[in-house]
Amino acid sequence: MYSSASIRWVNYPGLSEEKKLILEKICDWWKNQDNQKFEILHILEYDGAPLAWKPTKNHPPVQTIILNPNAEYDQTQDLVVFLYSDQNNKQERILTYAIDLDIQRSNLFVWFGDPQQVIKFSKI
């Protein structure tokens, strides 16, 4: 599922210097995806552990142009808020507690919700 060029941010208590650098790299990558085409897959259920998993239930993938991407760290909740609009100007906001960025494959995995779900952004 991931290449060797993947990085991960997880909201363990406290934001260490290493976590800050990883989060900064992920946020910078996301903010630079304005006007880029992505396939988005909303994964509802999966088997396996977070680093070795496969989807078992998901919505059909959709393709869209990402507009105004942004990501902000919310200190009060120790979570990251992912923001973007699609090509129809529909705004999306995802409150996430884990993020995986596979730079080599241009895939971004945003983990959120209870029960845990994943949104996979794959650059086309």
PDB file of N, CA and C in Angstrom:
ATOM      1  N   MET A   1       0.825  -1.189   0.000  1.00  0.00           N
ATOM      2  CA  MET A   1       0.000   0.000   0.000  1.00  0.00           C
ATOM      3  C   MET A   1       0.873   1.259   0.000  1.00  0.00           C
ATOM      4  N   TYR A   2       2.048   1.211   0.640  1.00  0.00           N
ATOM      5  CA  TYR A   2       2.917   2.384   0.733  1.00  0.00           C
ATOM      6  C   TYR A   2       4.289   2.075   0.137  1.00  0.00           C
ATOM      7  N   SER A   3       4.930   3.120  -0.392  1.00  0.00           N
ATOM      8  CA  SER A   3       6.304   2.973  -0.864  1.00  0.00           C
ATOM      9  C   SER A   3       7.258   3.311   0.277  1.00  0.00           C
ATOM     10  N   SER A   4       8.536   3.177   0.012  1.00  0.00           N
ATOM     11  CA  SER A   4       9.538   3.495   1.036  1.00  0.00           C
ATOM     12  C   SER A   4       9.666   5.010   1.240  1.00  0.00           C
ATOM     13  N   ALA A   5       9.019   5.798   0.389  1.00  0.00           N
ATOM     14  CA  ALA A   5       9.075   7.259   0.495  1.00  0.00           C
ATOM     15  C   ALA A   5       7.876   7.817   1.270  1.00  0.00           C
ATOM     16  N   SER A   6       7.277   7.015   2.120  1.00  0.00           N
ATOM     17  CA  SER A   6       6.097   7.437   2.877  1.00  0.00           C
ATOM     18  C   SER A   6       6.494   8.041   4.216  1.00  0.00           C
ATOM     19  N   ILE A   7       5.686   9.021   4.639  1.00  0.00           N
ATOM     20  CA  ILE A   7       5.857   9.592   5.970  1.00  0.00           C
ATOM     21  C   ILE A   7       4.500   9.590   6.662  1.00  0.00           C
ATOM     22  N   ARG A   8       4.530   9.566   8.000  1.00  0.00           N
ATOM     23  CA  ARG A   8       3.290   9.457   8.772  1.00  0.00           C
ATOM     24  C   ARG A   8       3.306  10.439   9.931  1.00  0.00           C
ATOM     25  N   TRP A   9       2.151  11.085  10.123  1.00  0.00           N
ATOM     26  CA  TRP A   9       1.919  11.911  11.297  1.00  0.00           C
ATOM     27  C   TRP A   9       0.737  11.314  12.050  1.00  0.00           C
ATOM     28  N   VAL A  10       0.893  11.146  13.356  1.00  0.00           N
ATOM     29  CA  VAL A  10      -0.173  10.627  14.216  1.00  0.00           C
ATOM     30  C   VAL A  10      -0.257  11.542  15.426  1.00  0.00           C
ATOM     31  N   ASN A  11      -1.466  11.749  15.919  1.00  0.00           N
ATOM     32  CA  ASN A  11      -1.666  12.709  17.017  1.00  0.00           C
ATOM     33  C   ASN A  11      -1.415  12.118  18.397  1.00  0.00           C
ATOM     34  N   TYR A  12      -0.265  11.495  18.573  1.00  0.00           N
ATOM     35  CA  TYR A  12       0.097  11.095  19.924  1.00  0.00           C
ATOM     36  C   TYR A  12       0.229  12.356  20.762  1.00  0.00           C
ATOM     37  N   PRO A  13       0.020  12.277  22.071  1.00  0.00           N
ATOM     38  CA  PRO A  13       0.061  13.483  22.902  1.00  0.00           C
ATOM     39  C   PRO A  13       1.344  14.285  22.714  1.00  0.00           C
ATOM     40  N   GLY A  14       1.156  15.586  22.614  1.00  0.00           N
ATOM     41  CA  GLY A  14       2.298  16.480  22.458  1.00  0.00           C
ATOM     42  C   GLY A  14       2.794  16.513  21.027  1.00  0.00           C
ATOM     43  N   LEU A  15       3.342  17.633  20.641  1.00  0.00           N
ATOM     44  CA  LEU A  15       3.855  17.785  19.286  1.00  0.00           C
ATOM     45  C   LEU A  15       5.363  17.968  19.363  1.00  0.00           C
ATOM     46  N   SER A  16       6.095  16.871  19.234  1.00  0.00           N
ATOM     47  CA  SER A  16       7.553  16.920  19.297  1.00  0.00           C
ATOM     48  C   SER A  16       8.096  17.646  18.065  1.00  0.00           C
ATOM     49  N   GLU A  17       9.363  17.966  18.106  1.00  0.00           N
ATOM     50  CA  GLU A  17      10.002  18.654  16.979  1.00  0.00           C
ATOM     51  C   GLU A  17       9.941  17.786  15.716  1.00  0.00           C
ATOM     52  N   GLU A  18      10.144  16.482  15.869  1.00  0.00           N
ATOM     53  CA  GLU A  18      10.082  15.568  14.718  1.00  0.00           C
ATOM     54  C   GLU A  18       8.671  15.541  14.123  1.00  0.00           C
ATOM     55  N   LYS A  19       7.663  15.461  14.990  1.00  0.00           N
ATOM     56  CA  LYS A  19       6.277  15.471  14.512  1.00  0.00           C
ATOM     57  C   LYS A  19       5.947  16.781  13.814  1.00  0.00           C
ATOM     58  N   LYS A  20       6.464  17.890  14.326  1.00  0.00           N
ATOM     59  CA  LYS A  20       6.226  19.187  13.700  1.00  0.00           C
ATOM     60  C   LYS A  20       6.793  19.216  12.287  1.00  0.00           C
ATOM     61  N   LEU A  21       8.006  18.690  12.127  1.00  0.00           N
ATOM     62  CA  LEU A  21       8.641  18.684  10.801  1.00  0.00           C
ATOM     63  C   LEU A  21       7.887  17.798   9.819  1.00  0.00           C
ATOM     64  N   ILE A  22       7.450  16.643  10.278  1.00  0.00           N
ATOM     65  CA  ILE A  22       6.676  15.740   9.417  1.00  0.00           C
ATOM     66  C   ILE A  22       5.358  16.393   9.019  1.00  0.00           C
ATOM     67  N   LEU A  23       4.669  16.957   9.988  1.00  0.00           N
ATOM     68  CA  LEU A  23       3.397  17.609   9.712  1.00  0.00           C
ATOM     69  C   LEU A  23       3.584  18.788   8.758  1.00  0.00           C
ATOM     70  N   GLU A  24       4.630  19.548   8.956  1.00  0.00           N
ATOM     71  CA  GLU A  24       4.917  20.676   8.076  1.00  0.00           C
ATOM     72  C   GLU A  24       5.138  20.207   6.645  1.00  0.00           C
ATOM     73  N   LYS A  25       5.858  19.120   6.478  1.00  0.00           N
ATOM     74  CA  LYS A  25       6.127  18.580   5.137  1.00  0.00           C
ATOM     75  C   LYS A  25       4.822  18.113   4.474  1.00  0.00           C
ATOM     76  N   ILE A  26       3.976  17.429   5.234  1.00  0.00           N
ATOM     77  CA  ILE A  26       2.692  16.960   4.697  1.00  0.00           C
ATOM     78  C   ILE A  26       1.807  18.153   4.324  1.00  0.00           C
ATOM     79  N   CYS A  27       1.701  19.119   5.211  1.00  0.00           N
ATOM     80  CA  CYS A  27       0.856  20.295   4.956  1.00  0.00           C
ATOM     81  C   CYS A  27       1.365  21.084   3.755  1.00  0.00           C
ATOM     82  N   ASP A  28       2.670  21.245   3.651  1.00  0.00           N
ATOM     83  CA  ASP A  28       3.233  21.956   2.496  1.00  0.00           C
ATOM     84  C   ASP A  28       2.911  21.218   1.201  1.00  0.00           C
ATOM     85  N   TRP A  29       3.056  19.911   1.196  1.00  0.00           N
ATOM     86  CA  TRP A  29       2.736  19.119  -0.003  1.00  0.00           C
ATOM     87  C   TRP A  29       1.271  19.340  -0.383  1.00  0.00           C
ATOM     88  N   TRP A  30       0.361  19.237   0.602  1.00  0.00           N
ATOM     89  CA  TRP A  30      -1.069  19.377   0.333  1.00  0.00           C
ATOM     90  C   TRP A  30      -1.386  20.781  -0.200  1.00  0.00           C
ATOM     91  N   LYS A  31      -0.830  21.805   0.414  1.00  0.00           N
ATOM     92  CA  LYS A  31      -1.108  23.181  -0.006  1.00  0.00           C
ATOM     93  C   LYS A  31      -0.626  23.456  -1.433  1.00  0.00           C
ATOM     94  N   ASN A  32       0.326  22.689  -1.914  1.00  0.00           N
ATOM     95  CA  ASN A  32       0.854  22.846  -3.271  1.00  0.00           C
ATOM     96  C   ASN A  32       0.089  22.044  -4.323  1.00  0.00           C
ATOM     97  N   GLN A  33      -1.034  21.464  -3.952  1.00  0.00           N
ATOM     98  CA  GLN A  33      -1.810  20.646  -4.895  1.00  0.00           C
ATOM     99  C   GLN A  33      -2.973  21.418  -5.531  1.00  0.00           C
ATOM    100  N   ASP A  34      -2.987  22.726  -5.400  1.00  0.00           N
ATOM    101  CA  ASP A  34      -4.064  23.540  -5.965  1.00  0.00           C
ATOM    102  C   ASP A  34      -4.167  23.313  -7.476  1.00  0.00           C
ATOM    103  N   ASN A  35      -5.399  23.137  -7.958  1.00  0.00           N
ATOM    104  CA  ASN A  35      -5.709  22.901  -9.375  1.00  0.00           C
ATOM    105  C   ASN A  35      -5.157  21.585  -9.902  1.00  0.00           C
ATOM    106  N   GLN A  36      -4.900  20.635  -9.031  1.00  0.00           N
ATOM    107  CA  GLN A  36      -4.422  19.318  -9.445  1.00  0.00           C
ATOM    108  C   GLN A  36      -5.587  18.331  -9.453  1.00  0.00           C
ATOM    109  N   LYS A  37      -5.534  17.368 -10.363  1.00  0.00           N
ATOM    110  CA  LYS A  37      -6.597  16.369 -10.486  1.00  0.00           C
ATOM    111  C   LYS A  37      -6.275  15.174  -9.584  1.00  0.00           C
ATOM    112  N   PHE A  38      -7.291  14.751  -8.823  1.00  0.00           N
ATOM    113  CA  PHE A  38      -7.139  13.628  -7.901  1.00  0.00           C
ATOM    114  C   PHE A  38      -8.305  12.659  -8.051  1.00  0.00           C
ATOM    115  N   GLU A  39      -8.005  11.408  -7.763  1.00  0.00           N
ATOM    116  CA  GLU A  39      -9.069  10.428  -7.543  1.00  0.00           C
ATOM    117  C   GLU A  39      -9.207  10.305  -6.024  1.00  0.00           C
ATOM    118  N   ILE A  40     -10.449  10.405  -5.562  1.00  0.00           N
ATOM    119  CA  ILE A  40     -10.700  10.344  -4.124  1.00  0.00           C
ATOM    120  C   ILE A  40     -11.485   9.088  -3.822  1.00  0.00           C
ATOM    121  N   LEU A  41     -10.973   8.295  -2.885  1.00  0.00           N
ATOM    122  CA  LEU A  41     -11.613   7.053  -2.467  1.00  0.00           C
ATOM    123  C   LEU A  41     -11.912   7.142  -0.975  1.00  0.00           C
ATOM    124  N   HIS A  42     -13.201   7.071  -0.627  1.00  0.00           N
ATOM    125  CA  HIS A  42     -13.623   7.097   0.777  1.00  0.00           C
ATOM    126  C   HIS A  42     -13.766   5.647   1.235  1.00  0.00           C
ATOM    127  N   ILE A  43     -12.852   5.213   2.089  1.00  0.00           N
ATOM    128  CA  ILE A  43     -12.798   3.834   2.573  1.00  0.00           C
ATOM    129  C   ILE A  43     -13.529   3.764   3.906  1.00  0.00           C
ATOM    130  N   LEU A  44     -14.568   2.947   3.950  1.00  0.00           N
ATOM    131  CA  LEU A  44     -15.414   2.830   5.136  1.00  0.00           C
ATOM    132  C   LEU A  44     -14.937   1.741   6.089  1.00  0.00           C
ATOM    133  N   GLU A  45     -14.399   0.664   5.528  1.00  0.00           N
ATOM    134  CA  GLU A  45     -13.896  -0.455   6.338  1.00  0.00           C
ATOM    135  C   GLU A  45     -12.649  -1.024   5.675  1.00  0.00           C
ATOM    136  N   TYR A  46     -11.783  -1.606   6.493  1.00  0.00           N
ATOM    137  CA  TYR A  46     -10.555  -2.198   5.980  1.00  0.00           C
ATOM    138  C   TYR A  46     -10.118  -3.323   6.899  1.00  0.00           C
ATOM    139  N   ASP A  47      -9.259  -4.187   6.365  1.00  0.00           N
ATOM    140  CA  ASP A  47      -8.653  -5.264   7.143  1.00  0.00           C
ATOM    141  C   ASP A  47      -7.181  -4.962   7.330  1.00  0.00           C
ATOM    142  N   GLY A  48      -6.663  -5.324   8.475  1.00  0.00           N
ATOM    143  CA  GLY A  48      -5.239  -5.185   8.730  1.00  0.00           C
ATOM    144  C   GLY A  48      -4.900  -3.986   9.574  1.00  0.00           C
ATOM    145  N   ALA A  49      -3.634  -3.899   9.908  1.00  0.00           N
ATOM    146  CA  ALA A  49      -3.110  -2.807  10.720  1.00  0.00           C
ATOM    147  C   ALA A  49      -2.917  -1.567   9.854  1.00  0.00           C
ATOM    148  N   PRO A  50      -2.772  -0.393  10.463  1.00  0.00           N
ATOM    149  CA  PRO A  50      -2.663   0.842   9.692  1.00  0.00           C
ATOM    150  C   PRO A  50      -1.585   0.859   8.610  1.00  0.00           C
ATOM    151  N   LEU A  51      -0.481   0.178   8.775  1.00  0.00           N
ATOM    152  CA  LEU A  51       0.561   0.224   7.746  1.00  0.00           C
ATOM    153  C   LEU A  51       0.492  -0.929   6.758  1.00  0.00           C
ATOM    154  N   ALA A  52      -0.297  -1.934   7.039  1.00  0.00           N
ATOM    155  CA  ALA A  52      -0.442  -3.079   6.133  1.00  0.00           C
ATOM    156  C   ALA A  52      -1.912  -3.452   6.076  1.00  0.00           C
ATOM    157  N   TRP A  53      -2.684  -2.707   5.321  1.00  0.00           N
ATOM    158  CA  TRP A  53      -4.124  -2.868   5.318  1.00  0.00           C
ATOM    159  C   TRP A  53      -4.633  -2.864   3.884  1.00  0.00           C
ATOM    160  N   LYS A  54      -5.878  -3.308   3.723  1.00  0.00           N
ATOM    161  CA  LYS A  54      -6.515  -3.236   2.410  1.00  0.00           C
ATOM    162  C   LYS A  54      -7.989  -2.909   2.614  1.00  0.00           C
ATOM    163  N   PRO A  55      -8.536  -2.090   1.715  1.00  0.00           N
ATOM    164  CA  PRO A  55      -9.949  -1.710   1.830  1.00  0.00           C
ATOM    165  C   PRO A  55     -10.866  -2.921   1.643  1.00  0.00           C
ATOM    166  N   THR A  56     -11.929  -2.981   2.422  1.00  0.00           N
ATOM    167  CA  THR A  56     -12.937  -4.036   2.256  1.00  0.00           C
ATOM    168  C   THR A  56     -14.300  -3.455   1.903  1.00  0.00           C
ATOM    169  N   LYS A  57     -14.517  -2.177   2.220  1.00  0.00           N
ATOM    170  CA  LYS A  57     -15.782  -1.519   1.890  1.00  0.00           C
ATOM    171  C   LYS A  57     -15.501  -0.040   1.646  1.00  0.00           C
ATOM    172  N   ASN A  58     -15.951   0.461   0.506  1.00  0.00           N
ATOM    173  CA  ASN A  58     -15.723   1.866   0.185  1.00  0.00           C
ATOM    174  C   ASN A  58     -16.800   2.390  -0.764  1.00  0.00           C
ATOM    175  N   HIS A  59     -16.878   3.715  -0.810  1.00  0.00           N
ATOM    176  CA  HIS A  59     -17.718   4.368  -1.802  1.00  0.00           C
ATOM    177  C   HIS A  59     -16.984   4.294  -3.147  1.00  0.00           C
ATOM    178  N   PRO A  60     -17.701   4.369  -4.264  1.00  0.00           N
ATOM    179  CA  PRO A  60     -17.013   4.403  -5.567  1.00  0.00           C
ATOM    180  C   PRO A  60     -16.075   5.606  -5.634  1.00  0.00           C
ATOM    181  N   PRO A  61     -14.918   5.438  -6.266  1.00  0.00           N
ATOM    182  CA  PRO A  61     -13.983   6.564  -6.372  1.00  0.00           C
ATOM    183  C   PRO A  61     -14.558   7.674  -7.255  1.00  0.00           C
ATOM    184  N   VAL A  62     -14.174   8.901  -6.956  1.00  0.00           N
ATOM    185  CA  VAL A  62     -14.563  10.054  -7.763  1.00  0.00           C
ATOM    186  C   VAL A  62     -13.302  10.809  -8.163  1.00  0.00           C
ATOM    187  N   GLN A  63     -13.369  11.452  -9.320  1.00  0.00           N
ATOM    188  CA  GLN A  63     -12.259  12.285  -9.765  1.00  0.00           C
ATOM    189  C   GLN A  63     -12.673  13.738  -9.671  1.00  0.00           C
ATOM    190  N   THR A  64     -11.759  14.571  -9.215  1.00  0.00           N
ATOM    191  CA  THR A  64     -12.053  15.990  -9.066  1.00  0.00           C
ATOM    192  C   THR A  64     -10.764  16.797  -9.140  1.00  0.00           C
ATOM    193  N   ILE A  65     -10.938  18.072  -9.363  1.00  0.00           N
ATOM    194  CA  ILE A  65      -9.839  19.028  -9.273  1.00  0.00           C
ATOM    195  C   ILE A  65      -9.876  19.606  -7.858  1.00  0.00           C
ATOM    196  N   ILE A  66      -8.741  19.568  -7.174  1.00  0.00           N
ATOM    197  CA  ILE A  66      -8.636  20.107  -5.821  1.00  0.00           C
ATOM    198  C   ILE A  66      -8.335  21.609  -5.917  1.00  0.00           C
ATOM    199  N   LEU A  67      -9.137  22.384  -5.214  1.00  0.00           N
ATOM    200  CA  LEU A  67      -8.960  23.836  -5.193  1.00  0.00           C
ATOM    201  C   LEU A  67      -8.759  24.315  -3.753  1.00  0.00           C
ATOM    202  N   ASN A  68      -7.929  25.302  -3.585  1.00  0.00           N
ATOM    203  CA  ASN A  68      -7.674  25.931  -2.288  1.00  0.00           C
ATOM    204  C   ASN A  68      -7.361  24.935  -1.168  1.00  0.00           C
ATOM    205  N   PRO A  69      -6.466  23.990  -1.406  1.00  0.00           N
ATOM    206  CA  PRO A  69      -6.150  23.047  -0.322  1.00  0.00           C
ATOM    207  C   PRO A  69      -5.419  23.740   0.821  1.00  0.00           C
ATOM    208  N   ASN A  70      -5.774  23.340   2.025  1.00  0.00           N
ATOM    209  CA  ASN A  70      -5.121  23.895   3.201  1.00  0.00           C
ATOM    210  C   ASN A  70      -5.147  22.837   4.296  1.00  0.00           C
ATOM    211  N   ALA A  71      -4.249  22.950   5.227  1.00  0.00           N
ATOM    212  CA  ALA A  71      -4.204  22.059   6.387  1.00  0.00           C
ATOM    213  C   ALA A  71      -3.682  22.867   7.559  1.00  0.00           C
ATOM    214  N   GLU A  72      -4.371  22.738   8.683  1.00  0.00           N
ATOM    215  CA  GLU A  72      -4.026  23.499   9.868  1.00  0.00           C
ATOM    216  C   GLU A  72      -4.008  22.589  11.082  1.00  0.00           C
ATOM    217  N   TYR A  73      -3.039  22.786  11.944  1.00  0.00           N
ATOM    218  CA  TYR A  73      -2.954  22.037  13.184  1.00  0.00           C
ATOM    219  C   TYR A  73      -3.823  22.718  14.232  1.00  0.00           C
ATOM    220  N   ASP A  74      -4.717  21.964  14.857  1.00  0.00           N
ATOM    221  CA  ASP A  74      -5.592  22.472  15.919  1.00  0.00           C
ATOM    222  C   ASP A  74      -5.004  22.021  17.255  1.00  0.00           C
ATOM    223  N   GLN A  75      -4.326  22.939  17.942  1.00  0.00           N
ATOM    224  CA  GLN A  75      -3.655  22.610  19.208  1.00  0.00           C
ATOM    225  C   GLN A  75      -4.623  22.136  20.276  1.00  0.00           C
ATOM    226  N   THR A  76      -5.813  22.695  20.297  1.00  0.00           N
ATOM    227  CA  THR A  76      -6.753  22.364  21.363  1.00  0.00           C
ATOM    228  C   THR A  76      -7.189  20.907  21.307  1.00  0.00           C
ATOM    229  N   GLN A  77      -7.242  20.337  20.101  1.00  0.00           N
ATOM    230  CA  GLN A  77      -7.674  18.942  19.950  1.00  0.00           C
ATOM    231  C   GLN A  77      -6.536  18.013  19.557  1.00  0.00           C
ATOM    232  N   ASP A  78      -5.345  18.571  19.278  1.00  0.00           N
ATOM    233  CA  ASP A  78      -4.201  17.804  18.785  1.00  0.00           C
ATOM    234  C   ASP A  78      -4.590  17.036  17.520  1.00  0.00           C
ATOM    235  N   LEU A  79      -5.300  17.714  16.631  1.00  0.00           N
ATOM    236  CA  LEU A  79      -5.739  17.140  15.361  1.00  0.00           C
ATOM    237  C   LEU A  79      -5.378  18.093  14.231  1.00  0.00           C
ATOM    238  N   VAL A  80      -5.452  17.590  13.008  1.00  0.00           N
ATOM    239  CA  VAL A  80      -5.208  18.425  11.833  1.00  0.00           C
ATOM    240  C   VAL A  80      -6.521  18.582  11.079  1.00  0.00           C
ATOM    241  N   VAL A  81      -6.796  19.804  10.654  1.00  0.00           N
ATOM    242  CA  VAL A  81      -7.979  20.093   9.855  1.00  0.00           C
ATOM    243  C   VAL A  81      -7.537  20.197   8.403  1.00  0.00           C
ATOM    244  N   PHE A  82      -8.026  19.277   7.553  1.00  0.00           N
ATOM    245  CA  PHE A  82      -7.767  19.314   6.116  1.00  0.00           C
ATOM    246  C   PHE A  82      -8.933  20.004   5.437  1.00  0.00           C
ATOM    247  N   LEU A  83      -8.625  20.990   4.614  1.00  0.00           N
ATOM    248  CA  LEU A  83      -9.641  21.759   3.917  1.00  0.00           C
ATOM    249  C   LEU A  83      -9.350  21.758   2.420  1.00  0.00           C
ATOM    250  N   TYR A  84     -10.409  21.732   1.622  1.00  0.00           N
ATOM    251  CA  TYR A  84     -10.279  21.897   0.183  1.00  0.00           C
ATOM    252  C   TYR A  84     -11.657  22.115  -0.416  1.00  0.00           C
ATOM    253  N   SER A  85     -11.671  22.592  -1.645  1.00  0.00           N
ATOM    254  CA  SER A  85     -12.894  22.684  -2.432  1.00  0.00           C
ATOM    255  C   SER A  85     -12.697  21.814  -3.662  1.00  0.00           C
ATOM    256  N   ASP A  86     -13.808  21.296  -4.188  1.00  0.00           N
ATOM    257  CA  ASP A  86     -13.704  20.527  -5.423  1.00  0.00           C
ATOM    258  C   ASP A  86     -14.013  21.454  -6.601  1.00  0.00           C
ATOM    259  N   GLN A  87     -14.008  20.897  -7.794  1.00  0.00           N
ATOM    260  CA  GLN A  87     -14.206  21.717  -8.994  1.00  0.00           C
ATOM    261  C   GLN A  87     -15.597  22.350  -9.064  1.00  0.00           C
ATOM    262  N   ASN A  88     -16.538  21.871  -8.249  1.00  0.00           N
ATOM    263  CA  ASN A  88     -17.873  22.458  -8.183  1.00  0.00           C
ATOM    264  C   ASN A  88     -18.003  23.438  -7.018  1.00  0.00           C
ATOM    265  N   ASN A  89     -16.875  23.803  -6.432  1.00  0.00           N
ATOM    266  CA  ASN A  89     -16.790  24.709  -5.286  1.00  0.00           C
ATOM    267  C   ASN A  89     -17.456  24.166  -4.028  1.00  0.00           C
ATOM    268  N   LYS A  90     -17.621  22.848  -3.944  1.00  0.00           N
ATOM    269  CA  LYS A  90     -18.112  22.233  -2.713  1.00  0.00           C
ATOM    270  C   LYS A  90     -16.940  22.171  -1.733  1.00  0.00           C
ATOM    271  N   GLN A  91     -17.114  22.784  -0.567  1.00  0.00           N
ATOM    272  CA  GLN A  91     -16.044  22.806   0.420  1.00  0.00           C
ATOM    273  C   GLN A  91     -16.090  21.559   1.288  1.00  0.00           C
ATOM    274  N   GLU A  92     -14.916  21.004   1.550  1.00  0.00           N
ATOM    275  CA  GLU A  92     -14.777  19.828   2.405  1.00  0.00           C
ATOM    276  C   GLU A  92     -13.859  20.171   3.561  1.00  0.00           C
ATOM    277  N   ARG A  93     -14.174  19.590   4.706  1.00  0.00           N
ATOM    278  CA  ARG A  93     -13.384  19.786   5.930  1.00  0.00           C
ATOM    279  C   ARG A  93     -13.271  18.429   6.610  1.00  0.00           C
ATOM    280  N   ILE A  94     -12.049  17.981   6.840  1.00  0.00           N
ATOM    281  CA  ILE A  94     -11.817  16.676   7.466  1.00  0.00           C
ATOM    282  C   ILE A  94     -10.948  16.895   8.695  1.00  0.00           C
ATOM    283  N   LEU A  95     -11.445  16.474   9.846  1.00  0.00           N
ATOM    284  CA  LEU A  95     -10.693  16.540  11.092  1.00  0.00           C
ATOM    285  C   LEU A  95      -9.999  15.198  11.254  1.00  0.00           C
ATOM    286  N   THR A  96      -8.690  15.190  11.164  1.00  0.00           N
ATOM    287  CA  THR A  96      -7.940  13.938  11.103  1.00  0.00           C
ATOM    288  C   THR A  96      -6.987  13.758  12.280  1.00  0.00           C
ATOM    289  N   TYR A  97      -6.779  12.501  12.667  1.00  0.00           N
ATOM    290  CA  TYR A  97      -5.844  12.205  13.749  1.00  0.00           C
ATOM    291  C   TYR A  97      -4.637  11.406  13.266  1.00  0.00           C
ATOM    292  N   ALA A  98      -4.599  11.099  11.968  1.00  0.00           N
ATOM    293  CA  ALA A  98      -3.419  10.447  11.385  1.00  0.00           C
ATOM    294  C   ALA A  98      -3.395  10.742   9.893  1.00  0.00           C
ATOM    295  N   ILE A  99      -2.187  10.921   9.363  1.00  0.00           N
ATOM    296  CA  ILE A  99      -2.007  11.231   7.951  1.00  0.00           C
ATOM    297  C   ILE A  99      -0.808  10.443   7.442  1.00  0.00           C
ATOM    298  N   ASP A 100      -0.995   9.817   6.294  1.00  0.00           N
ATOM    299  CA  ASP A 100       0.111   9.154   5.607  1.00  0.00           C
ATOM    300  C   ASP A 100       0.282   9.824   4.257  1.00  0.00           C
ATOM    301  N   LEU A 101       1.506  10.197   3.919  1.00  0.00           N
ATOM    302  CA  LEU A 101       1.809  10.771   2.618  1.00  0.00           C
ATOM    303  C   LEU A 101       2.847   9.906   1.945  1.00  0.00           C
ATOM    304  N   ASP A 102       2.475   9.355   0.813  1.00  0.00           N
ATOM    305  CA  ASP A 102       3.399   8.579  -0.011  1.00  0.00           C
ATOM    306  C   ASP A 102       3.821   9.484  -1.156  1.00  0.00           C
ATOM    307  N   ILE A 103       4.935  10.136  -0.983  1.00  0.00           N
ATOM    308  CA  ILE A 103       5.404  11.126  -1.957  1.00  0.00           C
ATOM    309  C   ILE A 103       5.715  10.474  -3.293  1.00  0.00           C
ATOM    310  N   GLN A 104       6.305   9.294  -3.272  1.00  0.00           N
ATOM    311  CA  GLN A 104       6.677   8.599  -4.506  1.00  0.00           C
ATOM    312  C   GLN A 104       5.457   8.292  -5.366  1.00  0.00           C
ATOM    313  N   ARG A 105       4.360   7.893  -4.752  1.00  0.00           N
ATOM    314  CA  ARG A 105       3.146   7.529  -5.493  1.00  0.00           C
ATOM    315  C   ARG A 105       2.113   8.655  -5.533  1.00  0.00           C
ATOM    316  N   SER A 106       2.409   9.773  -4.920  1.00  0.00           N
ATOM    317  CA  SER A 106       1.485  10.924  -4.843  1.00  0.00           C
ATOM    318  C   SER A 106       0.131  10.532  -4.268  1.00  0.00           C
ATOM    319  N   ASN A 107       0.174   9.769  -3.175  1.00  0.00           N
ATOM    320  CA  ASN A 107      -1.030   9.367  -2.455  1.00  0.00           C
ATOM    321  C   ASN A 107      -1.019   9.978  -1.062  1.00  0.00           C
ATOM    322  N   LEU A 108      -2.175  10.493  -0.672  1.00  0.00           N
ATOM    323  CA  LEU A 108      -2.355  11.042   0.665  1.00  0.00           C
ATOM    324  C   LEU A 108      -3.498  10.285   1.325  1.00  0.00           C
ATOM    325  N   PHE A 109      -3.256   9.758   2.527  1.00  0.00           N
ATOM    326  CA  PHE A 109      -4.266   9.008   3.279  1.00  0.00           C
ATOM    327  C   PHE A 109      -4.615   9.823   4.518  1.00  0.00           C
ATOM    328  N   VAL A 110      -5.886  10.145   4.663  1.00  0.00           N
ATOM    329  CA  VAL A 110      -6.361  10.952   5.783  1.00  0.00           C
ATOM    330  C   VAL A 110      -7.269  10.067   6.633  1.00  0.00           C
ATOM    331  N   TRP A 111      -6.850   9.775   7.858  1.00  0.00           N
ATOM    332  CA  TRP A 111      -7.561   8.891   8.783  1.00  0.00           C
ATOM    333  C   TRP A 111      -8.436   9.729   9.706  1.00  0.00           C
ATOM    334  N   PHE A 112      -9.690   9.351   9.861  1.00  0.00           N
ATOM    335  CA  PHE A 112     -10.610  10.147  10.670  1.00  0.00           C
ATOM    336  C   PHE A 112     -11.775   9.279  11.123  1.00  0.00           C
ATOM    337  N   GLY A 113     -12.598   9.837  11.997  1.00  0.00           N
ATOM    338  CA  GLY A 113     -13.890   9.257  12.355  1.00  0.00           C
ATOM    339  C   GLY A 113     -13.863   8.176  13.410  1.00  0.00           C
ATOM    340  N   ASP A 114     -15.060   7.828  13.822  1.00  0.00           N
ATOM    341  CA  ASP A 114     -15.277   6.750  14.771  1.00  0.00           C
ATOM    342  C   ASP A 114     -16.585   6.073  14.382  1.00  0.00           C
ATOM    343  N   PRO A 115     -16.558   4.902  13.742  1.00  0.00           N
ATOM    344  CA  PRO A 115     -15.392   4.049  13.521  1.00  0.00           C
ATOM    345  C   PRO A 115     -14.433   4.665  12.492  1.00  0.00           C
ATOM    346  N   GLN A 116     -13.194   4.228  12.592  1.00  0.00           N
ATOM    347  CA  GLN A 116     -12.127   4.776  11.780  1.00  0.00           C
ATOM    348  C   GLN A 116     -12.381   4.573  10.288  1.00  0.00           C
ATOM    349  N   GLN A 117     -12.230   5.655   9.536  1.00  0.00           N
ATOM    350  CA  GLN A 117     -12.366   5.638   8.095  1.00  0.00           C
ATOM    351  C   GLN A 117     -11.122   6.286   7.485  1.00  0.00           C
ATOM    352  N   VAL A 118     -10.972   6.130   6.176  1.00  0.00           N
ATOM    353  CA  VAL A 118      -9.819   6.686   5.478  1.00  0.00           C
ATOM    354  C   VAL A 118     -10.296   7.332   4.179  1.00  0.00           C
ATOM    355  N   ILE A 119      -9.735   8.476   3.876  1.00  0.00           N
ATOM    356  CA  ILE A 119      -9.918   9.037   2.544  1.00  0.00           C
ATOM    357  C   ILE A 119      -8.558   9.018   1.876  1.00  0.00           C
ATOM    358  N   LYS A 120      -8.530   8.393   0.706  1.00  0.00           N
ATOM    359  CA  LYS A 120      -7.288   8.292  -0.064  1.00  0.00           C
ATOM    360  C   LYS A 120      -7.378   9.254  -1.248  1.00  0.00           C
ATOM    361  N   PHE A 121      -6.424  10.178  -1.300  1.00  0.00           N
ATOM    362  CA  PHE A 121      -6.297  11.106  -2.417  1.00  0.00           C
ATOM    363  C   PHE A 121      -5.166  10.599  -3.296  1.00  0.00           C
ATOM    364  N   SER A 122      -5.458  10.253  -4.537  1.00  0.00           N
ATOM    365  CA  SER A 122      -4.444   9.767  -5.473  1.00  0.00           C
ATOM    366  C   SER A 122      -4.328  10.757  -6.622  1.00  0.00           C
ATOM    367  N   LYS A 123      -3.161  11.336  -6.753  1.00  0.00           N
ATOM    368  CA  LYS A 123      -2.956  12.317  -7.805  1.00  0.00           C
ATOM    369  C   LYS A 123      -2.957  11.614  -9.161  1.00  0.00           C
ATOM    370  N   ILE A 124      -3.695  12.206 -10.103  1.00  0.00           N
ATOM    371  CA  ILE A 124      -3.817  11.607 -11.449  1.00  0.00           C
ATOM    372  C   ILE A 124      -2.898  12.350 -12.409  1.00  0.00           C
TER     373      ILE A 124
END
